[in-house]
């Protein structure tokens, strides 16, 4: 499957999703130390911020006009979870 994807190329959406995931994984060790239980917001691979409440992160998405972009909004935790990615969070 990996070889097939490399040959076919990734969609722009998949590239942005992978960038978000890579940023989260890179930051996770420090995030867990100091911010476990809070929420992280990453947009198209760029770290946006850490928020105490999910609603505060959603407000930041609106304030920065990131609604129609690929965002990763996740609780900061070491537990694996299913996260929905993509456009139109609302």
C-alpha atoms as a PDB file:
ATOM      1  CA  UNK A   1       0.000   0.000   0.000  1.00  0.00           C
ATOM      2  CA  UNK A   2       2.782   2.431   0.931  1.00  0.00           C
ATOM      3  CA  UNK A   3       4.515   1.849  -2.380  1.00  0.00           C
ATOM      4  CA  UNK A   4       1.264   2.387  -4.248  1.00  0.00           C
ATOM      5  CA  UNK A   5       0.678   5.680  -2.441  1.00  0.00           C
ATOM      6  CA  UNK A   6       4.194   6.835  -3.209  1.00  0.00           C
ATOM      7  CA  UNK A   7       3.696   5.998  -6.872  1.00  0.00           C
ATOM      8  CA  UNK A   8       0.301   7.641  -7.104  1.00  0.00           C
ATOM      9  CA  UNK A   9       1.225  10.592  -4.950  1.00  0.00           C
ATOM     10  CA  UNK A  10      -0.746  11.889  -2.049  1.00  0.00           C
ATOM     11  CA  UNK A  11      -3.690  14.211  -2.291  1.00  0.00           C
ATOM     12  CA  UNK A  12      -3.221  17.696  -0.922  1.00  0.00           C
ATOM     13  CA  UNK A  13      -5.615  16.848   1.910  1.00  0.00           C
ATOM     14  CA  UNK A  14      -3.560  13.801   2.881  1.00  0.00           C
ATOM     15  CA  UNK A  15      -0.328  15.818   2.806  1.00  0.00           C
ATOM     16  CA  UNK A  16      -1.840  18.418   5.146  1.00  0.00           C
ATOM     17  CA  UNK A  17      -3.184  15.713   7.461  1.00  0.00           C
ATOM     18  CA  UNK A  18       0.258  14.128   7.635  1.00  0.00           C
ATOM     19  CA  UNK A  19       1.866  17.512   8.352  1.00  0.00           C
ATOM     20  CA  UNK A  20      -0.566  18.065  11.242  1.00  0.00           C
ATOM     21  CA  UNK A  21       0.173  14.612  12.650  1.00  0.00           C
ATOM     22  CA  UNK A  22       3.939  15.066  12.306  1.00  0.00           C
ATOM     23  CA  UNK A  23       3.803  18.390  14.162  1.00  0.00           C
ATOM     24  CA  UNK A  24       1.721  16.830  16.952  1.00  0.00           C
ATOM     25  CA  UNK A  25       4.099  13.859  17.319  1.00  0.00           C
ATOM     26  CA  UNK A  26       7.136  16.150  17.355  1.00  0.00           C
ATOM     27  CA  UNK A  27       5.648  18.355  20.100  1.00  0.00           C
ATOM     28  CA  UNK A  28       3.997  15.589  22.157  1.00  0.00           C
ATOM     29  CA  UNK A  29       6.827  14.884  24.663  1.00  0.00           C
ATOM     30  CA  UNK A  30       6.926  18.509  25.836  1.00  0.00           C
ATOM     31  CA  UNK A  31       3.168  18.877  25.594  1.00  0.00           C
ATOM     32  CA  UNK A  32       2.613  15.924  27.930  1.00  0.00           C
ATOM     33  CA  UNK A  33       5.079  17.309  30.489  1.00  0.00           C
ATOM     34  CA  UNK A  34       3.463  20.705  30.798  1.00  0.00           C
ATOM     35  CA  UNK A  35      -0.015  20.666  29.221  1.00  0.00           C
ATOM     36  CA  UNK A  36      -1.624  17.230  29.569  1.00  0.00           C
ATOM     37  CA  UNK A  37      -5.403  17.541  29.581  1.00  0.00           C
ATOM     38  CA  UNK A  38      -5.435  20.771  27.601  1.00  0.00           C
ATOM     39  CA  UNK A  39      -6.201  21.130  23.877  1.00  0.00           C
ATOM     40  CA  UNK A  40      -3.756  21.695  21.019  1.00  0.00           C
ATOM     41  CA  UNK A  41      -4.588  23.373  17.726  1.00  0.00           C
ATOM     42  CA  UNK A  42      -2.459  22.783  14.636  1.00  0.00           C
ATOM     43  CA  UNK A  43      -3.365  24.128  11.203  1.00  0.00           C
ATOM     44  CA  UNK A  44      -1.755  22.758   8.041  1.00  0.00           C
ATOM     45  CA  UNK A  45       1.326  21.686   9.999  1.00  0.00           C
ATOM     46  CA  UNK A  46       1.717  24.960  11.920  1.00  0.00           C
ATOM     47  CA  UNK A  47       1.346  25.048  15.710  1.00  0.00           C
ATOM     48  CA  UNK A  48      -1.378  27.572  16.563  1.00  0.00           C
ATOM     49  CA  UNK A  49      -1.752  27.243  20.318  1.00  0.00           C
ATOM     50  CA  UNK A  50      -2.688  25.405  23.488  1.00  0.00           C
ATOM     51  CA  UNK A  51      -6.055  25.987  25.107  1.00  0.00           C
ATOM     52  CA  UNK A  52      -7.600  25.021  28.433  1.00  0.00           C
ATOM     53  CA  UNK A  53     -10.996  24.393  26.841  1.00  0.00           C
ATOM     54  CA  UNK A  54     -12.000  23.018  23.442  1.00  0.00           C
ATOM     55  CA  UNK A  55     -14.408  25.917  22.945  1.00  0.00           C
ATOM     56  CA  UNK A  56     -11.519  28.372  23.277  1.00  0.00           C
ATOM     57  CA  UNK A  57      -9.641  26.588  20.470  1.00  0.00           C
ATOM     58  CA  UNK A  58     -12.757  26.657  18.292  1.00  0.00           C
ATOM     59  CA  UNK A  59     -13.065  30.403  18.900  1.00  0.00           C
ATOM     60  CA  UNK A  60      -9.412  30.816  17.843  1.00  0.00           C
ATOM     61  CA  UNK A  61     -10.153  28.938  14.612  1.00  0.00           C
ATOM     62  CA  UNK A  62     -12.958  31.385  13.901  1.00  0.00           C
ATOM     63  CA  UNK A  63     -10.927  34.437  14.974  1.00  0.00           C
ATOM     64  CA  UNK A  64      -8.026  33.522  12.675  1.00  0.00           C
ATOM     65  CA  UNK A  65     -10.358  32.559   9.806  1.00  0.00           C
ATOM     66  CA  UNK A  66      -9.094  28.945   9.736  1.00  0.00           C
ATOM     67  CA  UNK A  67     -12.511  27.331   9.395  1.00  0.00           C
ATOM     68  CA  UNK A  68     -11.983  26.168   5.798  1.00  0.00           C
ATOM     69  CA  UNK A  69      -8.450  24.865   6.378  1.00  0.00           C
ATOM     70  CA  UNK A  70      -7.140  21.535   7.637  1.00  0.00           C
ATOM     71  CA  UNK A  71      -6.966  21.697  11.421  1.00  0.00           C
ATOM     72  CA  UNK A  72      -5.978  19.213  14.073  1.00  0.00           C
ATOM     73  CA  UNK A  73      -7.772  19.959  17.317  1.00  0.00           C
ATOM     74  CA  UNK A  74      -6.995  17.352  19.931  1.00  0.00           C
ATOM     75  CA  UNK A  75      -6.777  16.863  23.664  1.00  0.00           C
ATOM     76  CA  UNK A  76      -3.166  16.511  24.781  1.00  0.00           C
ATOM     77  CA  UNK A  77      -2.865  12.930  25.964  1.00  0.00           C
ATOM     78  CA  UNK A  78      -0.757   9.823  25.539  1.00  0.00           C
ATOM     79  CA  UNK A  79      -3.888   7.729  25.027  1.00  0.00           C
ATOM     80  CA  UNK A  80      -4.609   6.803  21.427  1.00  0.00           C
ATOM     81  CA  UNK A  81      -7.865   8.148  20.089  1.00  0.00           C
ATOM     82  CA  UNK A  82      -9.734   8.518  16.878  1.00  0.00           C
ATOM     83  CA  UNK A  83      -9.544  12.096  15.618  1.00  0.00           C
ATOM     84  CA  UNK A  84     -11.559  13.535  12.765  1.00  0.00           C
ATOM     85  CA  UNK A  85      -9.610  15.664  10.318  1.00  0.00           C
ATOM     86  CA  UNK A  86     -10.725  17.908   7.549  1.00  0.00           C
ATOM     87  CA  UNK A  87     -12.813  20.875   6.672  1.00  0.00           C
ATOM     88  CA  UNK A  88     -16.035  22.084   8.166  1.00  0.00           C
ATOM     89  CA  UNK A  89     -15.718  21.460  11.874  1.00  0.00           C
ATOM     90  CA  UNK A  90     -19.124  22.953  12.473  1.00  0.00           C
END
